[in-house]
Amino acid sequence: MRKQYKIFNKKTKELIFESSDKNDFEKYDQNEFELFHQELNVIVACNKDGIIGIDGKIPWHYSDDLKFFKKMTMNSSLIMGRKTWESIGNKLPGRDIIVVTKGMYACGAFQFTRSIDRAIKIADPGQNIWVAGGGEIYDQVLREHNHYGVNKIFLTLVPNNINISMSKNVTYFSLKFFE
């Protein structure tokens, strides 16, 4: 499905045409239209056991990782699940957030949809797309990576040993994709 090339009007930023074949764009005037290859990437931080969350929160705080996340995702569309969105608790400046959820929500600064396919379609055509969690969204995108056309996975491995014996809800990122 992915490896999409899009062409849009330079002045209006209106999407004119999209195709997976770059040769389809030869007929467009380069001065008037711009070709953009939209990438779909995954960004995740986890420990050696694949833990990404405990009880709805990230179980560590590394400012370097947060800076890396900001640098990589700035001026992009972020796709995340509802629980990840709720854990963030606010808008991330410079990024369009698209929340994938089974329920219906309304919140002016965010877009909501019920599927990853739809989230990819409604992402700004002039921006790259980042999948930013949580566990269910990562699993679906990586399990069907050929369908979604995942370009790169950016994994930060945090050194924490996390005690989960008292935790009710542990969320994992499956490291099997790297085996």
Foldseek 3Di string as FASTA:
>chain_A
DAQKKWKAFPPPLHTDDIDNDPVVCPPDDVVGMPIDGAAEAEEAEEAPQQWQDFPLEGPDDDVVSVVVVCVVQAQAEEEEEPSVVVRVPDDDPRYAYEYAYPDDDDDPRHHYDPDPVVSVVPIRPRHHYYYYDDQVSLCVCLVPVVVHVHDYYHYHHDHDDDDCPPTDDTTGHDPPSVD
